[in-house]
C-alpha atoms as a PDB file:
ATOM      1  CA  MET A   1     -18.233 -15.435   5.476  1.00  0.00           C
ATOM      2  CA  ALA A   2     -16.228 -12.728   3.692  1.00  0.00           C
ATOM      3  CA  ARG A   3     -13.186 -13.520   1.597  1.00  0.00           C
ATOM      4  CA  GLN A   4      -9.852 -13.300   3.329  1.00  0.00           C
ATOM      5  CA  ALA A   5      -7.934 -10.153   2.461  1.00  0.00           C
ATOM      6  CA  THR A   6      -5.201 -10.900  -0.069  1.00  0.00           C
ATOM      7  CA  GLY A   7      -2.828  -8.704  -1.996  1.00  0.00           C
ATOM      8  CA  ALA A   8       0.374  -8.246  -3.940  1.00  0.00           C
ATOM      9  CA  VAL A   9       3.265  -5.831  -4.228  1.00  0.00           C
ATOM     10  CA  LEU A  10       3.667  -4.305  -7.695  1.00  0.00           C
ATOM     11  CA  GLU A  11       7.003  -2.972  -8.965  1.00  0.00           C
ATOM     12  CA  ARG A  12       7.174  -0.739 -12.004  1.00  0.00           C
ATOM     13  CA  GLU A  13      10.233   0.554 -13.765  1.00  0.00           C
ATOM     14  CA  GLY A  14       9.672   4.039 -15.199  1.00  0.00           C
ATOM     15  CA  LYS A  15      11.497   7.163 -16.333  1.00  0.00           C
ATOM     16  CA  ARG A  16      12.077   8.221 -12.742  1.00  0.00           C
ATOM     17  CA  GLY A  17      13.175   4.808 -11.483  1.00  0.00           C
ATOM     18  CA  ARG A  18      11.380   2.002  -9.717  1.00  0.00           C
ATOM     19  CA  THR A  19       8.063   2.605  -7.966  1.00  0.00           C
ATOM     20  CA  TYR A  20       6.086   0.375  -5.633  1.00  0.00           C
ATOM     21  CA  ALA A  21       2.361  -0.057  -5.197  1.00  0.00           C
ATOM     22  CA  LEU A  22      -0.045  -2.443  -3.487  1.00  0.00           C
ATOM     23  CA  ARG A  23      -3.043  -4.167  -5.010  1.00  0.00           C
ATOM     24  CA  PHE A  24      -5.335  -5.892  -2.547  1.00  0.00           C
ATOM     25  CA  ARG A  25      -8.920  -6.947  -1.960  1.00  0.00           C
ATOM     26  CA  ALA A  26     -10.772  -5.072   0.747  1.00  0.00           C
ATOM     27  CA  TYR A  27     -14.417  -4.431   1.481  1.00  0.00           C
ATOM     28  CA  GLY A  28     -15.566  -6.547  -1.461  1.00  0.00           C
ATOM     29  CA  ARG A  29     -13.508  -4.826  -4.150  1.00  0.00           C
ATOM     30  CA  ARG A  30      -9.969  -4.453  -5.451  1.00  0.00           C
ATOM     31  CA  GLU A  31      -7.986  -1.554  -4.078  1.00  0.00           C
ATOM     32  CA  TYR A  32      -4.797   0.002  -5.431  1.00  0.00           C
ATOM     33  CA  LEU A  33      -2.398   2.038  -3.319  1.00  0.00           C
ATOM     34  CA  THR A  34       0.727   3.726  -4.660  1.00  0.00           C
ATOM     35  CA  LEU A  35       3.498   3.732  -2.056  1.00  0.00           C
ATOM     36  CA  GLY A  36       6.322   5.626  -3.751  1.00  0.00           C
ATOM     37  CA  GLY A  37       9.650   5.132  -5.416  1.00  0.00           C
ATOM     38  CA  THR A  38      13.199   4.295  -4.514  1.00  0.00           C
ATOM     39  CA  ASP A  39      13.827   8.050  -4.216  1.00  0.00           C
ATOM     40  CA  ASP A  40      11.273   8.048  -1.384  1.00  0.00           C
ATOM     41  CA  GLY A  41      13.089   5.237   0.398  1.00  0.00           C
ATOM     42  CA  TRP A  42      10.807   2.384  -0.728  1.00  0.00           C
ATOM     43  CA  THR A  43      12.270  -1.074  -1.252  1.00  0.00           C
ATOM     44  CA  ARG A  44      10.665  -4.399  -2.093  1.00  0.00           C
ATOM     45  CA  ALA A  45      11.068  -5.526   1.534  1.00  0.00           C
ATOM     46  CA  ARG A  46       9.507  -2.323   2.896  1.00  0.00           C
ATOM     47  CA  ALA A  47       6.608  -2.599   0.420  1.00  0.00           C
ATOM     48  CA  GLU A  48       5.956  -6.216   1.474  1.00  0.00           C
ATOM     49  CA  LEU A  49       5.922  -5.160   5.119  1.00  0.00           C
ATOM     50  CA  GLU A  50       3.455  -2.361   4.306  1.00  0.00           C
ATOM     51  CA  LEU A  51       1.240  -4.879   2.483  1.00  0.00           C
ATOM     52  CA  GLU A  52       1.177  -7.041   5.626  1.00  0.00           C
ATOM     53  CA  ASN A  53       0.218  -3.969   7.689  1.00  0.00           C
ATOM     54  CA  VAL A  54      -2.538  -2.927   5.289  1.00  0.00           C
ATOM     55  CA  LEU A  55      -3.995  -6.445   5.172  1.00  0.00           C
ATOM     56  CA  ALA A  56      -3.929  -6.583   8.972  1.00  0.00           C
ATOM     57  CA  ASP A  57      -5.840  -3.276   9.098  1.00  0.00           C
ATOM     58  CA  VAL A  58      -8.403  -4.669   6.657  1.00  0.00           C
ATOM     59  CA  ARG A  59      -8.838  -7.819   8.785  1.00  0.00           C
ATOM     60  CA  ARG A  60      -9.340  -5.631  11.882  1.00  0.00           C
ATOM     61  CA  GLY A  61     -11.929  -3.565  10.035  1.00  0.00           C
ATOM     62  CA  LEU A  62     -10.000  -0.316  10.425  1.00  0.00           C
ATOM     63  CA  GLY A  63     -11.086   2.374   8.027  1.00  0.00           C
ATOM     64  CA  GLU A  64     -14.185   2.422   5.886  1.00  0.00           C
ATOM     65  CA  PRO A  65     -14.677   1.451   2.267  1.00  0.00           C
ATOM     66  CA  GLY A  66     -13.478   4.211  -0.024  1.00  0.00           C
ATOM     67  CA  LEU A  67     -11.418   5.974   2.657  1.00  0.00           C
ATOM     68  CA  ARG A  68      -7.641   5.845   2.678  1.00  0.00           C
ATOM     69  CA  ALA A  69      -7.140   7.081   6.241  1.00  0.00           C
ATOM     70  CA  PRO A  70      -5.507   3.973   7.754  1.00  0.00           C
ATOM     71  CA  PHE A  71      -3.355   3.440   4.672  1.00  0.00           C
ATOM     72  CA  ARG A  72      -0.764   6.159   5.200  1.00  0.00           C
ATOM     73  CA  GLN A  73       1.957   7.029   2.744  1.00  0.00           C
ATOM     74  CA  SER A  74       5.356   8.270   3.791  1.00  0.00           C
ATOM     75  CA  THR A  75       6.864  10.772   1.385  1.00  0.00           C
ATOM     76  CA  LYS A  76       9.705  13.220   1.521  1.00  0.00           C
ATOM     77  CA  LYS A  77       7.239  16.109   1.647  1.00  0.00           C
ATOM     78  CA  SER A  78       5.429  14.712   4.681  1.00  0.00           C
ATOM     79  CA  ARG A  79       8.759  14.236   6.466  1.00  0.00           C
ATOM     80  CA  GLY A  80       9.764  17.817   5.748  1.00  0.00           C
ATOM     81  CA  VAL A  81      12.706  16.871   3.513  1.00  0.00           C
END
């Protein structure tokens, strides 16, 4: 039986403010996904919700190892801002 998908929200304080990322186990290896910063509308609560969504996708088997398709990022550029 495969390990249950687990993960964590990472917060980093940098020159441009606070950024959020996810680190989680999927498909037998550790994955890292940068979400964005406070300028992009990311908060700790929103990042935790996204982690839950990503882990649910992993449990459902959505996506393939090495592909980021189901793990979408929302940025100002993609919203046309």
